[in-house]
């Protein structure tokens, strides 16, 4: 029972007791002596009841009719980075190779052919392992063109050979894996020096001094610049060679970069 109700019941009980007593003098004396005590007790009980009342809980849920404010925003959320997928190239690997006879009439097309996975793997000492790699990368086919100066592999007056190759893969990721493998392999070749002048995006260029030319194996030592570049689901390669001392490294680098840019434009359809 609430303690504040106790003096109320006592006061009612006292009033009924006085009312039943027939002696007026007794009633007046009793009320005179008891009323202050009852009043003090009533005040004391009311004070105790007020102090013992439970305090308001600030964390309590709001009443049903009280509007709930939305939570305050904490900072600004960081936007998720967007990834633009690379679109695979259209066309064929043979189409991406530039015809140099139009711009360089002193050169002629010595050979042109396609390369299957089996043919490429058979030319290596680790043929079985490499064939498995080609299949893992999703290699589709490759195209090679070999241009030689009109005076043949023995020409010593300038550029005597240009070798171009494009390889098509099923996916962009497969081409990237093949590009990294070839790049690391080139960097371990004896006589290969990485050049800083490869300004074509996604490319690396090497200078190869005193290195036999693959297409002219009997022409003696030569100086070459080789560029390897990645474009979507394809890997391109251009190598320009000259007899030792016939062309500076800068001139060879400029030539190989120009041809690579022409091939890149055909790959992207900007020709």
Protein backbone atom coordinates (compact mmCIF):
# COMPACT_ATOMS: atom_id res chain seq x y z
CA UNK A 1 0.00 0.00 0.00
CA UNK A 2 1.15 3.53 -0.77
CA UNK A 3 2.58 5.13 2.41
CA UNK A 4 0.86 8.44 1.56
CA UNK A 5 -2.57 6.81 2.09
CA UNK A 6 -1.74 5.74 5.68
CA UNK A 7 -2.45 9.09 7.40
CA UNK A 8 -5.66 9.44 5.43
CA UNK A 9 -6.98 6.15 6.78
CA UNK A 10 -5.82 7.13 10.28
CA UNK A 11 -7.56 10.47 10.06
CA UNK A 12 -10.81 8.81 8.96
CA UNK A 13 -10.52 6.28 11.77
CA UNK A 14 -9.90 9.06 14.31
CA UNK A 15 -12.92 11.04 13.08
CA UNK A 16 -15.21 8.04 13.37
CA UNK A 17 -13.95 7.34 16.91
CA UNK A 18 -14.66 10.89 18.00
CA UNK A 19 -18.10 10.82 16.39
CA UNK A 20 -19.09 7.71 18.33
CA UNK A 21 -18.04 9.21 21.72
CA UNK A 22 -21.11 10.98 23.30
CA UNK A 23 -18.99 13.25 25.46
CA UNK A 24 -18.45 16.64 23.77
CA UNK A 25 -15.70 17.54 26.20
CA UNK A 26 -13.83 14.35 25.38
CA UNK A 27 -14.17 15.07 21.67
CA UNK A 28 -12.81 18.57 21.97
CA UNK A 29 -9.90 17.54 24.21
CA UNK A 30 -9.04 14.56 22.12
CA UNK A 31 -9.11 16.52 18.85
CA UNK A 32 -7.05 19.32 20.41
CA UNK A 33 -4.33 16.89 21.47
CA UNK A 34 -4.40 14.59 18.47
CA UNK A 35 -4.97 16.91 15.50
CA UNK A 36 -1.43 18.45 15.47
CA UNK A 37 0.09 14.99 15.69
CA UNK A 38 -2.05 13.70 12.86
CA UNK A 39 -1.24 16.75 10.71
CA UNK A 40 2.50 16.31 11.24
CA UNK A 41 2.25 12.62 10.46
CA UNK A 42 0.33 13.42 7.26
CA UNK A 43 3.00 15.91 6.09
CA UNK A 44 5.79 13.47 6.94
CA UNK A 45 4.16 10.66 4.98
CA UNK A 46 3.49 12.85 1.95
CA UNK A 47 7.13 14.01 1.96
CA UNK A 48 8.41 10.43 2.15
CA UNK A 49 6.08 9.39 -0.65
CA UNK A 50 7.38 12.18 -2.90
CA UNK A 51 11.04 11.27 -2.21
CA UNK A 52 10.49 7.60 -2.83
CA UNK A 53 8.76 8.13 -6.19
CA UNK A 54 10.76 6.59 -9.05
CA UNK A 55 12.82 9.04 -11.11
CA UNK A 56 12.11 9.53 -14.75
CA UNK A 57 14.20 7.26 -17.01
CA UNK A 58 15.73 9.34 -19.81
CA UNK A 59 16.48 6.20 -21.83
CA UNK A 60 12.95 4.89 -21.63
CA UNK A 61 11.08 4.47 -24.86
CA UNK A 62 8.95 7.50 -25.82
CA UNK A 63 5.23 7.33 -25.47
CA UNK A 64 3.24 6.08 -28.38
CA UNK A 65 1.91 9.55 -29.23
CA UNK A 66 5.33 11.21 -28.91
CA UNK A 67 7.09 11.71 -32.28
CA UNK A 68 10.42 9.86 -32.66
CA UNK A 69 13.25 11.92 -34.15
CA UNK A 70 15.47 10.27 -36.77
CA UNK A 71 19.07 9.51 -35.69
CA UNK A 72 21.64 12.14 -36.53
CA UNK A 73 23.98 11.22 -39.41
CA UNK A 74 27.52 10.36 -38.32
CA UNK A 75 29.95 11.65 -40.93
CA UNK A 76 29.63 11.21 -44.69
CA UNK A 77 29.77 7.65 -46.00
CA UNK A 78 32.68 6.94 -48.37
CA UNK A 79 31.40 6.11 -51.85
CA UNK A 80 32.27 2.69 -53.17
CA UNK A 81 34.93 2.79 -55.94
CA UNK A 82 33.54 2.14 -59.37
CA UNK A 83 35.22 -0.35 -61.65
CA UNK A 84 34.86 0.12 -65.38
CA UNK A 85 35.17 -3.26 -67.10
CA UNK A 86 37.56 -3.48 -70.06
CA UNK A 87 35.76 -4.30 -73.29
CA UNK A 88 37.37 -7.14 -75.28
CA UNK A 89 38.67 -6.20 -78.70
CA UNK A 90 36.85 -7.02 -81.89
CA UNK A 91 38.44 -8.35 -85.05
CA UNK A 92 41.23 -10.89 -85.50
CA UNK A 93 44.89 -10.96 -84.55
CA UNK A 94 45.96 -10.82 -88.20
CA UNK A 95 43.88 -7.69 -88.81
CA UNK A 96 45.62 -5.79 -86.00
CA UNK A 97 49.07 -6.05 -87.63
CA UNK A 98 50.12 -3.04 -89.68
CA UNK A 99 51.06 -3.36 -93.35
CA UNK A 100 54.49 -1.68 -93.43
CA UNK A 101 54.93 -1.86 -97.20
CA UNK A 102 52.68 1.19 -97.55
CA UNK A 103 54.70 3.47 -95.29
CA UNK A 104 58.12 1.83 -95.74
CA UNK A 105 58.57 0.80 -99.38
CA UNK A 106 62.16 -0.28 -98.71
CA UNK A 107 60.74 -3.18 -96.69
CA UNK A 108 59.00 -6.24 -98.11
CA UNK A 109 56.84 -8.89 -96.47
CA UNK A 110 59.13 -11.88 -96.04
CA UNK A 111 56.66 -14.10 -94.19
CA UNK A 112 53.22 -14.10 -92.60
CA UNK A 113 51.59 -16.93 -90.67
CA UNK A 114 49.27 -17.91 -87.84
CA UNK A 115 50.45 -19.76 -84.73
CA UNK A 116 48.42 -22.34 -82.82
CA UNK A 117 48.96 -23.23 -79.19
CA UNK A 118 50.58 -26.53 -80.15
CA UNK A 119 53.01 -24.84 -82.55
CA UNK A 120 54.06 -22.26 -79.98
CA UNK A 121 54.53 -24.87 -77.24
CA UNK A 122 56.51 -27.20 -79.54
CA UNK A 123 59.19 -24.52 -80.02
CA UNK A 124 60.05 -24.51 -76.32
CA UNK A 125 61.98 -26.94 -74.15
CA UNK A 126 59.12 -27.15 -71.60
CA UNK A 127 56.52 -27.79 -74.31
CA UNK A 128 54.01 -29.73 -72.19
CA UNK A 129 54.11 -27.26 -69.33
CA UNK A 130 53.91 -24.26 -71.66
CA UNK A 131 50.99 -25.74 -73.60
CA UNK A 132 49.10 -26.06 -70.33
CA UNK A 133 49.86 -22.40 -69.56
CA UNK A 134 48.57 -21.29 -72.97
CA UNK A 135 45.35 -23.20 -72.40
CA UNK A 136 45.00 -21.73 -68.90
CA UNK A 137 45.40 -18.21 -70.28
CA UNK A 138 42.77 -18.91 -72.93
CA UNK A 139 45.03 -18.23 -75.90
CA UNK A 140 43.01 -18.28 -79.12
CA UNK A 141 45.56 -17.68 -81.87
CA UNK A 142 48.52 -15.55 -82.84
CA UNK A 143 49.60 -13.79 -86.01
CA UNK A 144 53.17 -13.02 -87.12
CA UNK A 145 54.52 -10.79 -89.88
CA UNK A 146 58.16 -10.48 -90.78
CA UNK A 147 59.35 -7.52 -92.86
CA UNK A 148 62.91 -7.38 -94.21
CA UNK A 149 64.80 -4.69 -96.09
CA UNK A 150 64.88 -5.01 -99.87
CA UNK A 151 68.62 -5.72 -99.67
CA UNK A 152 68.00 -8.67 -97.35
CA UNK A 153 69.30 -9.61 -93.92
CA UNK A 154 72.78 -8.45 -94.87
CA UNK A 155 71.72 -4.80 -95.10
CA UNK A 156 73.89 -2.63 -92.83
CA UNK A 157 72.68 0.88 -93.71
CA UNK A 158 69.80 1.08 -91.24
CA UNK A 159 66.73 -0.88 -90.19
CA UNK A 160 66.88 -4.27 -91.85
CA UNK A 161 64.11 -6.21 -90.08
CA UNK A 162 60.77 -5.63 -88.39
CA UNK A 163 59.03 -8.47 -86.60
CA UNK A 164 55.42 -8.00 -85.48
CA UNK A 165 53.12 -10.30 -83.56
CA UNK A 166 49.65 -10.10 -82.05
CA UNK A 167 48.13 -12.77 -79.81
CA UNK A 168 44.42 -12.95 -79.03
CA UNK A 169 43.02 -14.38 -75.77
CA UNK A 170 39.51 -15.26 -74.71
CA UNK A 171 39.50 -12.89 -71.73
CA UNK A 172 41.15 -9.69 -70.55
CA UNK A 173 42.51 -11.45 -67.44
CA UNK A 174 44.05 -14.20 -69.54
CA UNK A 175 45.85 -11.66 -71.72
CA UNK A 176 47.14 -9.84 -68.64
CA UNK A 177 48.55 -13.08 -67.20
CA UNK A 178 50.28 -13.93 -70.47
CA UNK A 179 51.69 -10.39 -70.72
CA UNK A 180 53.20 -10.61 -67.23
CA UNK A 181 54.73 -14.00 -68.00
CA UNK A 182 56.33 -12.71 -71.22
CA UNK A 183 57.53 -9.51 -69.54
CA UNK A 184 59.28 -11.39 -66.76
CA UNK A 185 60.74 -13.81 -69.28
CA UNK A 186 62.15 -10.99 -71.40
CA UNK A 187 63.71 -9.34 -68.35
CA UNK A 188 65.72 -12.49 -67.64
CA UNK A 189 67.04 -12.73 -71.22
CA UNK A 190 70.74 -12.14 -71.62
CA UNK A 191 71.47 -8.81 -73.28
CA UNK A 192 68.00 -7.31 -72.70
CA UNK A 193 67.96 -3.83 -71.14
CA UNK A 194 64.70 -2.24 -70.03
CA UNK A 195 64.12 1.16 -71.63
CA UNK A 196 62.30 4.07 -70.00
CA UNK A 197 61.08 5.49 -73.31
CA UNK A 198 58.03 3.24 -73.71
CA UNK A 199 55.35 5.95 -73.79
CA UNK A 200 52.59 3.67 -75.09
CA UNK A 201 50.21 2.90 -72.18
CA UNK A 202 50.48 -0.68 -70.93
CA UNK A 203 53.82 -1.35 -72.60
CA UNK A 204 57.43 -2.20 -71.80
CA UNK A 205 60.40 -1.77 -74.15
CA UNK A 206 63.81 -3.44 -74.18
CA UNK A 207 67.05 -2.74 -75.92
CA UNK A 208 68.96 -5.83 -77.01
CA UNK A 209 72.58 -5.30 -77.93
CA UNK A 210 74.68 -7.98 -79.64
CA UNK A 211 71.72 -10.32 -79.79
CA UNK A 212 71.14 -12.57 -82.83
CA UNK A 213 67.99 -11.68 -84.75
CA UNK A 214 65.47 -14.51 -84.77
CA UNK A 215 64.31 -13.92 -88.35
CA UNK A 216 67.84 -13.38 -89.71
CA UNK A 217 69.88 -15.96 -87.80
CA UNK A 218 72.82 -15.85 -90.24
CA UNK A 219 73.08 -12.08 -90.57
CA UNK A 220 75.41 -11.63 -87.64
CA UNK A 221 74.90 -9.70 -84.46
CA UNK A 222 72.43 -6.87 -84.38
CA UNK A 223 71.00 -4.17 -82.16
CA UNK A 224 67.27 -4.38 -81.56
CA UNK A 225 64.53 -2.64 -79.64
CA UNK A 226 61.57 -4.75 -78.66
CA UNK A 227 58.27 -3.50 -77.26
CA UNK A 228 55.62 -5.62 -75.61
CA UNK A 229 52.20 -4.10 -74.92
CA UNK A 230 48.88 -5.19 -73.46
CA UNK A 231 45.58 -4.04 -74.88
CA UNK A 232 42.38 -5.56 -73.46
CA UNK A 233 42.35 -9.26 -74.41
CA UNK A 234 45.38 -9.04 -76.73
CA UNK A 235 49.16 -8.81 -76.44
CA UNK A 236 51.21 -7.11 -79.14
CA UNK A 237 54.92 -7.26 -79.87
CA UNK A 238 57.12 -5.26 -82.23
CA UNK A 239 60.85 -5.70 -82.69
CA UNK A 240 62.96 -3.46 -84.93
CA UNK A 241 66.52 -4.53 -85.68
CA UNK A 242 69.55 -3.13 -87.42
CA UNK A 243 73.17 -4.14 -87.81
CA UNK A 244 75.33 -3.15 -84.87
CA UNK A 245 76.22 0.52 -85.13
CA UNK A 246 73.86 1.19 -88.05
CA UNK A 247 71.16 2.84 -85.92
CA UNK A 248 71.23 4.45 -82.50
CA UNK A 249 69.11 3.03 -79.70
CA UNK A 250 67.01 6.22 -79.72
CA UNK A 251 66.29 5.86 -83.45
CA UNK A 252 65.32 2.20 -83.06
CA UNK A 253 63.16 3.05 -80.06
CA UNK A 254 61.36 5.79 -82.01
CA UNK A 255 60.71 3.38 -84.88
CA UNK A 256 59.37 0.60 -82.68
CA UNK A 257 57.15 2.99 -80.73
CA UNK A 258 55.67 4.39 -83.94
CA UNK A 259 54.78 0.93 -85.28
CA UNK A 260 53.35 -0.16 -81.92
CA UNK A 261 51.11 2.91 -81.81
CA UNK A 262 49.79 2.09 -85.29
CA UNK A 263 49.01 -1.47 -84.19
CA UNK A 264 47.35 -0.18 -81.01
CA UNK A 265 45.14 2.14 -83.06
CA UNK A 266 43.98 -0.76 -85.22
CA UNK A 267 43.22 -2.80 -82.10
CA UNK A 268 41.09 0.01 -80.69
CA UNK A 269 39.47 0.78 -84.05
CA UNK A 270 41.07 4.26 -84.23
CA UNK A 271 42.70 4.12 -87.64
